[in-house]
Amino acid sequence: MFRLVLLTAPTALPDEARLLAALLGAGSKTLHLRKPGWPAAPVEDLIQAIPAQFHARLVLHGHPGLVRRYRLGGLHLTGQQRAATVRRPTLLPGQTLSTSFHSLAEIDRHRRRYDYVFLSPIFDSISKEGYGSTFKLPELRAFFQRQAGRAGYHAPVLALGGIAATNLALVQVAGFAGAAVLGTIWQSPDPVAALRQLQEQV
C-alpha cells in the first residue's frame, strides 16, 4: 500500500500541537516531528502537548531518548547523525528507524539498515527556494524495477521534495513505496484540507 507521510514545519507555528493533532485525527498515519536545531526540552514540550493517543504515529528527527521515553513510532536520522552512528540506535520493539538520502548510490549502499528511507528532491522543492530536482522519473522507475528483481531486504523508499496532489500519481508510477509531504501542507491556508486532497490521490 502506498504510504503518505507528513513532516512538520521546521519552525514553531501558532497553536502547533492542536494543528498536528487535527492532521493526525484526519487520518495521517505517520507524522515526522522535524525541528532542526531545537534542543530536547522544546521538542519534549511539543510531544507532551500532542494527545498521547497519537504518540505511536510520531517519528522524531533526533533525540532517541525521547523516542523511547514517550514510546513514539520511531526515530529518523539526519545525514549528520547517520554519519556519526556506528550501531543501530537502541529502540523499543516496533519502533522504526529511518533516514534521508539524496542519491540512488546512497540508497544502494545503506538502505538495508533502515525500515524505510526518504529520497529527495524528487521534484523542485516547495518549501526550499532554489532546491531543484536532479532526478528523472524514468531513471527512478528503472532503479526500482532492478531492485525488485534482486534478492534480500530492500527498505521502502519514499519520495520527498515538491510532492503535491498534482504529481502524486507520477510518484506512484515511478515505483516509490510512498511520499513524504512538507511544503504542500504548510504553505496551504488549510493544512487539513490539503492533507485530504492528497489522500484522495492515494
N, C-alpha and C. Protein backbone atom coordinates (compact mmCIF):
# COMPACT_ATOMS: atom_id res chain seq x y z
N MET A 1 0.84 -1.20 0.00
CA MET A 1 0.00 0.00 0.00
C MET A 1 0.87 1.25 0.00
N PHE A 2 0.53 2.22 -0.83
CA PHE A 2 1.29 3.47 -0.94
C PHE A 2 1.15 4.25 0.37
N ARG A 3 2.28 4.72 0.88
CA ARG A 3 2.33 5.35 2.21
C ARG A 3 2.48 6.86 2.08
N LEU A 4 1.68 7.59 2.83
CA LEU A 4 1.75 9.06 2.84
C LEU A 4 2.21 9.51 4.22
N VAL A 5 3.35 10.21 4.24
CA VAL A 5 3.96 10.66 5.49
C VAL A 5 4.00 12.18 5.50
N LEU A 6 3.69 12.79 6.63
CA LEU A 6 3.77 14.25 6.76
C LEU A 6 4.99 14.63 7.59
N LEU A 7 5.60 15.78 7.25
CA LEU A 7 6.67 16.36 8.05
C LEU A 7 6.18 17.69 8.62
N THR A 8 6.56 17.97 9.85
CA THR A 8 6.19 19.25 10.45
C THR A 8 6.94 20.39 9.78
N ALA A 9 6.41 21.59 9.93
CA ALA A 9 7.15 22.78 9.53
C ALA A 9 8.43 22.84 10.37
N PRO A 10 9.54 23.33 9.81
CA PRO A 10 10.80 23.32 10.56
C PRO A 10 10.84 24.31 11.72
N THR A 11 9.98 25.31 11.69
CA THR A 11 9.93 26.31 12.77
C THR A 11 8.64 26.15 13.56
N ALA A 12 8.56 26.83 14.68
CA ALA A 12 7.37 26.75 15.53
C ALA A 12 6.20 27.47 14.86
N LEU A 13 5.00 26.92 15.01
CA LEU A 13 3.78 27.51 14.48
C LEU A 13 2.83 27.85 15.63
N PRO A 14 1.99 28.86 15.46
CA PRO A 14 0.99 29.14 16.50
C PRO A 14 0.06 27.95 16.69
N ASP A 15 -0.18 27.59 17.96
CA ASP A 15 -1.12 26.52 18.29
C ASP A 15 -0.76 25.23 17.55
N GLU A 16 0.54 24.95 17.48
CA GLU A 16 1.01 23.86 16.62
C GLU A 16 0.52 22.49 17.07
N ALA A 17 0.54 22.22 18.36
CA ALA A 17 0.13 20.90 18.83
C ALA A 17 -1.31 20.60 18.43
N ARG A 18 -2.18 21.59 18.53
CA ARG A 18 -3.59 21.37 18.15
C ARG A 18 -3.69 21.08 16.66
N LEU A 19 -2.92 21.79 15.86
CA LEU A 19 -2.96 21.58 14.41
C LEU A 19 -2.41 20.19 14.04
N LEU A 20 -1.33 19.78 14.69
CA LEU A 20 -0.79 18.45 14.42
C LEU A 20 -1.77 17.36 14.83
N ALA A 21 -2.44 17.56 15.95
CA ALA A 21 -3.45 16.60 16.38
C ALA A 21 -4.61 16.54 15.38
N ALA A 22 -4.96 17.68 14.79
CA ALA A 22 -6.02 17.71 13.79
C ALA A 22 -5.62 16.92 12.54
N LEU A 23 -4.36 17.05 12.13
CA LEU A 23 -3.87 16.31 10.97
C LEU A 23 -3.85 14.81 11.25
N LEU A 24 -3.43 14.44 12.46
CA LEU A 24 -3.45 13.02 12.84
C LEU A 24 -4.87 12.51 12.93
N GLY A 25 -5.75 13.33 13.45
CA GLY A 25 -7.16 12.94 13.54
C GLY A 25 -7.83 12.83 12.18
N ALA A 26 -7.27 13.53 11.18
CA ALA A 26 -7.82 13.48 9.82
C ALA A 26 -7.29 12.29 9.03
N GLY A 27 -6.47 11.46 9.67
CA GLY A 27 -6.06 10.23 9.01
C GLY A 27 -4.59 10.12 8.67
N SER A 28 -3.77 11.08 9.08
CA SER A 28 -2.34 10.96 8.84
C SER A 28 -1.79 9.80 9.68
N LYS A 29 -1.23 8.79 9.01
CA LYS A 29 -0.76 7.60 9.72
C LYS A 29 0.61 7.80 10.35
N THR A 30 1.44 8.64 9.72
CA THR A 30 2.79 8.88 10.23
C THR A 30 3.11 10.36 10.10
N LEU A 31 3.55 10.96 11.20
CA LEU A 31 3.92 12.37 11.22
C LEU A 31 5.35 12.49 11.75
N HIS A 32 6.24 13.01 10.93
CA HIS A 32 7.63 13.21 11.35
C HIS A 32 7.75 14.57 12.04
N LEU A 33 8.19 14.54 13.29
CA LEU A 33 8.47 15.78 14.02
C LEU A 33 9.90 16.20 13.70
N ARG A 34 10.01 17.18 12.83
CA ARG A 34 11.33 17.64 12.36
C ARG A 34 11.48 19.12 12.74
N LYS A 35 12.32 19.36 13.71
CA LYS A 35 12.57 20.73 14.18
C LYS A 35 14.08 20.95 14.25
N PRO A 36 14.71 21.24 13.11
CA PRO A 36 16.17 21.38 13.07
C PRO A 36 16.68 22.41 14.07
N GLY A 37 17.69 22.03 14.83
CA GLY A 37 18.31 22.95 15.76
C GLY A 37 17.61 23.06 17.11
N TRP A 38 16.45 22.44 17.26
CA TRP A 38 15.75 22.52 18.55
C TRP A 38 16.43 21.61 19.56
N PRO A 39 16.70 22.09 20.77
CA PRO A 39 17.17 21.19 21.83
C PRO A 39 16.04 20.29 22.31
N ALA A 40 16.37 19.37 23.18
CA ALA A 40 15.40 18.35 23.60
C ALA A 40 14.19 18.95 24.33
N ALA A 41 14.41 19.99 25.16
CA ALA A 41 13.32 20.49 26.01
C ALA A 41 12.11 21.00 25.22
N PRO A 42 12.25 21.90 24.23
CA PRO A 42 11.06 22.33 23.49
C PRO A 42 10.46 21.21 22.63
N VAL A 43 11.29 20.28 22.16
CA VAL A 43 10.74 19.14 21.43
C VAL A 43 9.87 18.30 22.36
N GLU A 44 10.34 18.09 23.58
CA GLU A 44 9.56 17.33 24.56
C GLU A 44 8.26 18.05 24.90
N ASP A 45 8.32 19.37 25.02
CA ASP A 45 7.10 20.15 25.28
C ASP A 45 6.07 19.93 24.18
N LEU A 46 6.53 19.91 22.93
CA LEU A 46 5.61 19.70 21.81
C LEU A 46 5.02 18.30 21.84
N ILE A 47 5.84 17.31 22.13
CA ILE A 47 5.33 15.93 22.24
C ILE A 47 4.27 15.85 23.32
N GLN A 48 4.55 16.44 24.47
CA GLN A 48 3.60 16.38 25.59
C GLN A 48 2.28 17.07 25.27
N ALA A 49 2.33 18.07 24.39
CA ALA A 49 1.11 18.81 24.04
C ALA A 49 0.26 18.08 23.02
N ILE A 50 0.81 17.06 22.37
CA ILE A 50 0.04 16.25 21.42
C ILE A 50 -0.59 15.10 22.19
N PRO A 51 -1.89 14.85 22.03
CA PRO A 51 -2.53 13.77 22.79
C PRO A 51 -1.79 12.45 22.68
N ALA A 52 -1.67 11.75 23.82
CA ALA A 52 -0.90 10.52 23.88
C ALA A 52 -1.42 9.46 22.92
N GLN A 53 -2.69 9.52 22.56
CA GLN A 53 -3.25 8.52 21.64
C GLN A 53 -2.56 8.56 20.27
N PHE A 54 -1.90 9.68 19.94
CA PHE A 54 -1.23 9.83 18.65
C PHE A 54 0.28 9.56 18.71
N HIS A 55 0.83 9.34 19.90
CA HIS A 55 2.28 9.25 20.03
C HIS A 55 2.88 8.12 19.20
N ALA A 56 2.18 7.02 19.06
CA ALA A 56 2.71 5.88 18.29
C ALA A 56 2.81 6.19 16.80
N ARG A 57 2.22 7.30 16.36
CA ARG A 57 2.30 7.68 14.96
C ARG A 57 3.34 8.77 14.71
N LEU A 58 4.03 9.19 15.76
CA LEU A 58 5.05 10.24 15.64
C LEU A 58 6.42 9.62 15.43
N VAL A 59 7.17 10.16 14.46
CA VAL A 59 8.55 9.77 14.25
C VAL A 59 9.39 11.02 14.48
N LEU A 60 10.35 10.91 15.38
CA LEU A 60 11.12 12.08 15.81
C LEU A 60 12.47 12.13 15.10
N HIS A 61 12.82 13.31 14.60
CA HIS A 61 14.14 13.52 14.00
C HIS A 61 15.12 13.84 15.12
N GLY A 62 15.98 12.87 15.43
CA GLY A 62 16.91 13.03 16.54
C GLY A 62 16.27 12.73 17.88
N HIS A 63 17.04 12.93 18.96
CA HIS A 63 16.57 12.75 20.33
C HIS A 63 16.03 11.34 20.59
N PRO A 64 16.87 10.31 20.43
CA PRO A 64 16.39 8.94 20.63
C PRO A 64 15.84 8.67 22.03
N GLY A 65 16.37 9.38 23.02
CA GLY A 65 15.86 9.19 24.38
C GLY A 65 14.39 9.53 24.49
N LEU A 66 13.96 10.59 23.80
CA LEU A 66 12.55 10.97 23.81
C LEU A 66 11.69 9.95 23.04
N VAL A 67 12.27 9.37 21.99
CA VAL A 67 11.55 8.34 21.23
C VAL A 67 11.20 7.18 22.14
N ARG A 68 12.17 6.75 22.94
CA ARG A 68 11.93 5.64 23.87
C ARG A 68 11.01 6.05 25.01
N ARG A 69 11.25 7.23 25.60
CA ARG A 69 10.50 7.65 26.78
C ARG A 69 9.02 7.77 26.50
N TYR A 70 8.67 8.32 25.35
CA TYR A 70 7.25 8.54 25.04
C TYR A 70 6.67 7.45 24.12
N ARG A 71 7.47 6.41 23.90
CA ARG A 71 7.03 5.28 23.08
C ARG A 71 6.48 5.76 21.73
N LEU A 72 7.28 6.61 21.07
CA LEU A 72 6.89 7.15 19.76
C LEU A 72 7.03 6.06 18.69
N GLY A 73 6.57 6.41 17.48
CA GLY A 73 6.59 5.43 16.41
C GLY A 73 7.98 5.09 15.91
N GLY A 74 8.90 6.05 16.00
CA GLY A 74 10.23 5.76 15.50
C GLY A 74 11.17 6.93 15.58
N LEU A 75 12.39 6.69 15.09
CA LEU A 75 13.47 7.67 15.08
C LEU A 75 13.95 7.86 13.65
N HIS A 76 14.16 9.12 13.26
CA HIS A 76 14.71 9.44 11.94
C HIS A 76 16.07 10.10 12.13
N LEU A 77 17.07 9.59 11.42
CA LEU A 77 18.42 10.14 11.49
C LEU A 77 18.69 11.09 10.33
N THR A 78 19.22 12.27 10.64
CA THR A 78 19.69 13.16 9.58
C THR A 78 20.98 12.59 9.01
N GLY A 79 21.46 13.15 7.90
CA GLY A 79 22.70 12.70 7.32
C GLY A 79 23.86 12.81 8.29
N GLN A 80 23.91 13.90 9.04
CA GLN A 80 24.99 14.10 10.01
C GLN A 80 24.91 13.07 11.13
N GLN A 81 23.69 12.82 11.62
CA GLN A 81 23.52 11.83 12.67
C GLN A 81 23.86 10.43 12.16
N ARG A 82 23.47 10.16 10.91
CA ARG A 82 23.76 8.86 10.32
C ARG A 82 25.27 8.63 10.23
N ALA A 83 26.00 9.65 9.82
CA ALA A 83 27.46 9.53 9.68
C ALA A 83 28.13 9.27 11.03
N ALA A 84 27.52 9.77 12.10
CA ALA A 84 28.11 9.63 13.43
C ALA A 84 27.65 8.36 14.14
N THR A 85 26.75 7.60 13.52
CA THR A 85 26.18 6.42 14.15
C THR A 85 26.87 5.16 13.64
N VAL A 86 27.50 4.45 14.54
CA VAL A 86 28.19 3.20 14.17
C VAL A 86 27.23 2.02 14.23
N ARG A 87 26.46 1.94 15.32
CA ARG A 87 25.50 0.86 15.51
C ARG A 87 24.07 1.41 15.42
N ARG A 88 23.15 0.52 15.14
CA ARG A 88 21.74 0.90 15.13
C ARG A 88 21.35 1.40 16.52
N PRO A 89 20.71 2.58 16.62
CA PRO A 89 20.29 3.08 17.93
C PRO A 89 19.36 2.10 18.64
N THR A 90 19.45 2.10 19.96
CA THR A 90 18.60 1.21 20.75
C THR A 90 17.18 1.77 20.80
N LEU A 91 16.24 1.01 20.26
CA LEU A 91 14.85 1.41 20.24
C LEU A 91 14.00 0.30 20.84
N LEU A 92 12.75 0.61 21.14
CA LEU A 92 11.84 -0.38 21.68
C LEU A 92 11.28 -1.24 20.54
N PRO A 93 10.81 -2.43 20.85
CA PRO A 93 10.22 -3.28 19.81
C PRO A 93 9.10 -2.54 19.06
N GLY A 94 9.14 -2.63 17.75
CA GLY A 94 8.11 -1.99 16.93
C GLY A 94 8.44 -0.58 16.49
N GLN A 95 9.42 0.07 17.14
CA GLN A 95 9.80 1.42 16.74
C GLN A 95 10.68 1.35 15.48
N THR A 96 10.43 2.24 14.54
CA THR A 96 11.14 2.22 13.26
C THR A 96 12.37 3.12 13.28
N LEU A 97 13.29 2.82 12.36
CA LEU A 97 14.46 3.66 12.14
C LEU A 97 14.46 4.05 10.67
N SER A 98 14.53 5.34 10.40
CA SER A 98 14.54 5.83 9.02
C SER A 98 15.62 6.88 8.85
N THR A 99 15.88 7.25 7.59
CA THR A 99 16.86 8.28 7.29
C THR A 99 16.54 8.86 5.91
N SER A 100 17.33 9.85 5.50
CA SER A 100 17.12 10.52 4.21
C SER A 100 18.37 10.38 3.34
N PHE A 101 18.16 10.13 2.05
CA PHE A 101 19.25 10.06 1.09
C PHE A 101 18.97 11.02 -0.07
N HIS A 102 20.05 11.34 -0.81
CA HIS A 102 19.92 12.29 -1.92
C HIS A 102 20.48 11.73 -3.23
N SER A 103 20.78 10.43 -3.23
CA SER A 103 21.25 9.80 -4.46
C SER A 103 20.89 8.33 -4.44
N LEU A 104 20.78 7.74 -5.63
CA LEU A 104 20.49 6.31 -5.74
C LEU A 104 21.66 5.48 -5.24
N ALA A 105 22.87 5.99 -5.42
CA ALA A 105 24.05 5.26 -4.94
C ALA A 105 24.02 5.11 -3.43
N GLU A 106 23.61 6.16 -2.70
CA GLU A 106 23.50 6.07 -1.24
C GLU A 106 22.48 5.02 -0.84
N ILE A 107 21.37 4.99 -1.55
CA ILE A 107 20.33 4.00 -1.23
C ILE A 107 20.87 2.59 -1.43
N ASP A 108 21.57 2.37 -2.52
CA ASP A 108 22.15 1.06 -2.79
C ASP A 108 23.10 0.62 -1.68
N ARG A 109 23.86 1.57 -1.14
CA ARG A 109 24.87 1.23 -0.13
C ARG A 109 24.28 1.01 1.26
N HIS A 110 23.25 1.78 1.62
CA HIS A 110 22.89 1.87 3.04
C HIS A 110 21.46 1.48 3.42
N ARG A 111 20.55 1.36 2.49
CA ARG A 111 19.14 1.30 2.89
C ARG A 111 18.77 0.03 3.65
N ARG A 112 19.58 -1.02 3.59
CA ARG A 112 19.23 -2.26 4.28
C ARG A 112 19.25 -2.12 5.80
N ARG A 113 19.84 -1.05 6.29
CA ARG A 113 19.90 -0.83 7.74
C ARG A 113 18.63 -0.18 8.29
N TYR A 114 17.72 0.24 7.41
CA TYR A 114 16.59 1.06 7.84
C TYR A 114 15.24 0.40 7.51
N ASP A 115 14.22 0.86 8.22
CA ASP A 115 12.86 0.34 7.97
C ASP A 115 12.22 1.02 6.78
N TYR A 116 12.57 2.27 6.52
CA TYR A 116 12.21 2.98 5.29
C TYR A 116 13.12 4.19 5.17
N VAL A 117 13.23 4.73 3.96
CA VAL A 117 14.11 5.88 3.74
C VAL A 117 13.41 6.89 2.83
N PHE A 118 13.84 8.15 2.95
CA PHE A 118 13.39 9.22 2.05
C PHE A 118 14.45 9.42 0.97
N LEU A 119 14.00 9.75 -0.24
CA LEU A 119 14.89 10.17 -1.32
C LEU A 119 14.42 11.53 -1.81
N SER A 120 15.34 12.50 -1.87
CA SER A 120 14.95 13.86 -2.26
C SER A 120 16.09 14.58 -2.98
N PRO A 121 15.73 15.70 -3.70
CA PRO A 121 14.37 16.16 -4.01
C PRO A 121 13.88 15.55 -5.33
N ILE A 122 12.72 14.94 -5.30
CA ILE A 122 12.18 14.29 -6.49
C ILE A 122 11.64 15.33 -7.48
N PHE A 123 10.97 16.34 -6.96
CA PHE A 123 10.55 17.49 -7.76
C PHE A 123 11.16 18.74 -7.14
N ASP A 124 11.08 19.86 -7.82
CA ASP A 124 11.59 21.11 -7.24
C ASP A 124 10.86 21.37 -5.93
N SER A 125 11.63 21.69 -4.91
CA SER A 125 11.07 21.85 -3.57
C SER A 125 10.07 23.01 -3.50
N ILE A 126 9.01 22.78 -2.75
CA ILE A 126 8.01 23.83 -2.50
C ILE A 126 8.44 24.71 -1.33
N SER A 127 9.08 24.10 -0.32
CA SER A 127 9.42 24.83 0.91
C SER A 127 10.81 25.44 0.89
N LYS A 128 11.71 24.95 0.01
CA LYS A 128 13.08 25.47 -0.05
C LYS A 128 13.32 26.09 -1.41
N GLU A 129 13.40 27.40 -1.45
CA GLU A 129 13.61 28.09 -2.73
C GLU A 129 14.98 27.73 -3.30
N GLY A 130 15.02 27.41 -4.59
CA GLY A 130 16.27 27.09 -5.26
C GLY A 130 16.73 25.66 -5.07
N TYR A 131 15.94 24.84 -4.40
CA TYR A 131 16.30 23.44 -4.16
C TYR A 131 15.63 22.60 -5.24
N GLY A 132 16.32 22.42 -6.37
CA GLY A 132 15.72 21.78 -7.53
C GLY A 132 16.02 20.31 -7.63
N SER A 133 15.17 19.60 -8.33
CA SER A 133 15.32 18.16 -8.52
C SER A 133 16.47 17.84 -9.47
N THR A 134 17.13 16.73 -9.20
CA THR A 134 18.17 16.23 -10.10
C THR A 134 17.82 14.84 -10.64
N PHE A 135 16.59 14.39 -10.36
CA PHE A 135 16.18 13.04 -10.75
C PHE A 135 15.27 13.08 -11.98
N LYS A 136 15.33 11.99 -12.75
CA LYS A 136 14.41 11.80 -13.87
C LYS A 136 13.54 10.59 -13.55
N LEU A 137 12.24 10.73 -13.72
CA LEU A 137 11.32 9.66 -13.32
C LEU A 137 11.60 8.33 -14.02
N PRO A 138 11.91 8.30 -15.34
CA PRO A 138 12.22 7.00 -15.96
C PRO A 138 13.44 6.32 -15.32
N GLU A 139 14.43 7.12 -14.93
CA GLU A 139 15.61 6.57 -14.26
C GLU A 139 15.24 5.95 -12.92
N LEU A 140 14.36 6.61 -12.19
CA LEU A 140 13.92 6.09 -10.90
C LEU A 140 13.12 4.81 -11.08
N ARG A 141 12.25 4.80 -12.06
CA ARG A 141 11.43 3.61 -12.31
C ARG A 141 12.32 2.41 -12.65
N ALA A 142 13.34 2.63 -13.48
CA ALA A 142 14.26 1.56 -13.83
C ALA A 142 15.03 1.06 -12.60
N PHE A 143 15.41 1.98 -11.72
CA PHE A 143 16.11 1.61 -10.49
C PHE A 143 15.26 0.70 -9.62
N PHE A 144 14.00 1.09 -9.41
CA PHE A 144 13.12 0.29 -8.55
C PHE A 144 12.81 -1.06 -9.18
N GLN A 145 12.71 -1.12 -10.48
CA GLN A 145 12.49 -2.40 -11.16
C GLN A 145 13.68 -3.33 -10.97
N ARG A 146 14.89 -2.77 -11.06
CA ARG A 146 16.09 -3.59 -10.82
C ARG A 146 16.13 -4.09 -9.38
N GLN A 147 15.78 -3.20 -8.45
CA GLN A 147 15.79 -3.58 -7.04
C GLN A 147 14.80 -4.70 -6.76
N ALA A 148 13.63 -4.63 -7.39
CA ALA A 148 12.60 -5.65 -7.18
C ALA A 148 13.08 -7.02 -7.64
N GLY A 149 13.99 -7.06 -8.61
CA GLY A 149 14.50 -8.32 -9.12
C GLY A 149 15.65 -8.90 -8.32
N ARG A 150 16.13 -8.15 -7.32
CA ARG A 150 17.25 -8.61 -6.51
C ARG A 150 16.75 -9.28 -5.23
N ALA A 151 17.46 -10.31 -4.80
CA ALA A 151 17.09 -10.98 -3.56
C ALA A 151 17.50 -10.13 -2.36
N GLY A 152 16.90 -10.41 -1.22
CA GLY A 152 17.26 -9.74 0.02
C GLY A 152 16.33 -8.59 0.35
N TYR A 153 16.56 -8.02 1.53
CA TYR A 153 15.71 -6.93 2.02
C TYR A 153 16.11 -5.60 1.40
N HIS A 154 15.12 -4.86 0.96
CA HIS A 154 15.35 -3.51 0.46
C HIS A 154 14.33 -2.60 1.14
N ALA A 155 14.80 -1.67 1.96
CA ALA A 155 13.89 -0.78 2.68
C ALA A 155 13.04 0.02 1.69
N PRO A 156 11.75 0.19 1.99
CA PRO A 156 10.90 1.01 1.13
C PRO A 156 11.46 2.42 0.99
N VAL A 157 11.34 2.99 -0.20
CA VAL A 157 11.83 4.33 -0.48
C VAL A 157 10.64 5.26 -0.70
N LEU A 158 10.61 6.37 0.05
CA LEU A 158 9.54 7.35 -0.06
C LEU A 158 10.07 8.60 -0.74
N ALA A 159 9.31 9.16 -1.66
CA ALA A 159 9.70 10.37 -2.38
C ALA A 159 9.49 11.60 -1.49
N LEU A 160 10.44 12.50 -1.53
CA LEU A 160 10.35 13.76 -0.78
C LEU A 160 10.82 14.89 -1.69
N GLY A 161 10.16 16.03 -1.58
CA GLY A 161 10.57 17.21 -2.35
C GLY A 161 9.58 17.55 -3.44
N GLY A 162 8.82 18.62 -3.23
CA GLY A 162 7.88 19.09 -4.25
C GLY A 162 6.65 18.23 -4.42
N ILE A 163 6.35 17.39 -3.44
CA ILE A 163 5.19 16.50 -3.56
C ILE A 163 3.90 17.30 -3.42
N ALA A 164 2.99 17.09 -4.37
CA ALA A 164 1.69 17.78 -4.37
C ALA A 164 0.65 16.84 -4.95
N ALA A 165 -0.62 17.19 -4.77
CA ALA A 165 -1.70 16.36 -5.31
C ALA A 165 -1.57 16.20 -6.81
N THR A 166 -1.02 17.20 -7.49
CA THR A 166 -0.93 17.17 -8.95
C THR A 166 0.15 16.23 -9.48
N ASN A 167 1.12 15.84 -8.65
CA ASN A 167 2.17 14.94 -9.14
C ASN A 167 2.27 13.63 -8.37
N LEU A 168 1.34 13.40 -7.46
CA LEU A 168 1.41 12.19 -6.64
C LEU A 168 1.29 10.92 -7.49
N ALA A 169 0.48 10.98 -8.54
CA ALA A 169 0.34 9.82 -9.42
C ALA A 169 1.67 9.48 -10.10
N LEU A 170 2.46 10.49 -10.44
CA LEU A 170 3.77 10.25 -11.06
C LEU A 170 4.71 9.52 -10.11
N VAL A 171 4.62 9.87 -8.83
CA VAL A 171 5.44 9.22 -7.81
C VAL A 171 5.08 7.74 -7.70
N GLN A 172 3.79 7.45 -7.75
CA GLN A 172 3.34 6.07 -7.65
C GLN A 172 3.78 5.26 -8.88
N VAL A 173 3.64 5.85 -10.07
CA VAL A 173 4.03 5.16 -11.30
C VAL A 173 5.54 4.90 -11.33
N ALA A 174 6.32 5.82 -10.76
CA ALA A 174 7.77 5.65 -10.75
C ALA A 174 8.22 4.47 -9.90
N GLY A 175 7.36 4.03 -8.97
CA GLY A 175 7.69 2.86 -8.16
C GLY A 175 8.01 3.13 -6.71
N PHE A 176 7.83 4.36 -6.26
CA PHE A 176 8.05 4.67 -4.85
C PHE A 176 7.03 3.95 -3.97
N ALA A 177 7.45 3.61 -2.77
CA ALA A 177 6.55 2.97 -1.81
C ALA A 177 5.65 3.98 -1.10
N GLY A 178 5.97 5.25 -1.25
CA GLY A 178 5.18 6.28 -0.61
C GLY A 178 5.77 7.65 -0.89
N ALA A 179 5.21 8.65 -0.21
CA ALA A 179 5.67 10.03 -0.39
C ALA A 179 5.64 10.75 0.94
N ALA A 180 6.60 11.64 1.14
CA ALA A 180 6.67 12.48 2.33
C ALA A 180 6.38 13.92 1.91
N VAL A 181 5.53 14.58 2.67
CA VAL A 181 4.99 15.88 2.25
C VAL A 181 5.31 16.95 3.29
N LEU A 182 5.74 18.10 2.80
CA LEU A 182 6.08 19.22 3.68
C LEU A 182 5.43 20.51 3.20
N GLY A 183 5.96 21.09 2.12
CA GLY A 183 5.50 22.40 1.67
C GLY A 183 4.03 22.45 1.28
N THR A 184 3.53 21.40 0.65
CA THR A 184 2.12 21.39 0.23
C THR A 184 1.19 21.58 1.41
N ILE A 185 1.56 21.01 2.56
CA ILE A 185 0.73 21.13 3.76
C ILE A 185 0.88 22.50 4.40
N TRP A 186 2.13 22.92 4.63
CA TRP A 186 2.35 24.09 5.47
C TRP A 186 2.26 25.42 4.72
N GLN A 187 2.25 25.38 3.40
CA GLN A 187 2.02 26.61 2.66
C GLN A 187 0.55 26.75 2.25
N SER A 188 -0.27 25.82 2.68
CA SER A 188 -1.71 25.90 2.43
C SER A 188 -2.38 26.69 3.55
N PRO A 189 -3.40 27.49 3.24
CA PRO A 189 -4.14 28.18 4.30
C PRO A 189 -4.95 27.22 5.17
N ASP A 190 -5.17 26.00 4.67
CA ASP A 190 -5.92 24.98 5.42
C ASP A 190 -5.17 23.66 5.31
N PRO A 191 -4.22 23.39 6.23
CA PRO A 191 -3.42 22.16 6.15
C PRO A 191 -4.24 20.88 6.14
N VAL A 192 -5.34 20.84 6.89
CA VAL A 192 -6.16 19.63 6.93
C VAL A 192 -6.82 19.38 5.57
N ALA A 193 -7.30 20.43 4.93
CA ALA A 193 -7.88 20.30 3.59
C ALA A 193 -6.82 19.85 2.59
N ALA A 194 -5.59 20.37 2.73
CA ALA A 194 -4.50 19.96 1.84
C ALA A 194 -4.18 18.49 2.01
N LEU A 195 -4.21 18.01 3.25
CA LEU A 195 -3.98 16.59 3.52
C LEU A 195 -5.07 15.74 2.86
N ARG A 196 -6.30 16.16 3.00
CA ARG A 196 -7.40 15.38 2.42
C ARG A 196 -7.32 15.33 0.90
N GLN A 197 -6.86 16.40 0.30
CA GLN A 197 -6.71 16.41 -1.16
C GLN A 197 -5.62 15.41 -1.58
N LEU A 198 -4.57 15.32 -0.81
CA LEU A 198 -3.53 14.33 -1.10
C LEU A 198 -4.05 12.91 -0.90
N GLN A 199 -4.80 12.69 0.17
CA GLN A 199 -5.33 11.37 0.46
C GLN A 199 -6.24 10.87 -0.65
N GLU A 200 -6.93 11.78 -1.32
CA GLU A 200 -7.82 11.38 -2.42
C GLU A 200 -7.05 10.81 -3.61
N GLN A 201 -5.73 11.14 -3.68
CA GLN A 201 -4.93 10.69 -4.82
C GLN A 201 -4.23 9.36 -4.55
N VAL A 202 -4.33 8.88 -3.34
CA VAL A 202 -3.62 7.64 -2.95
C VAL A 202 -4.54 6.44 -3.10
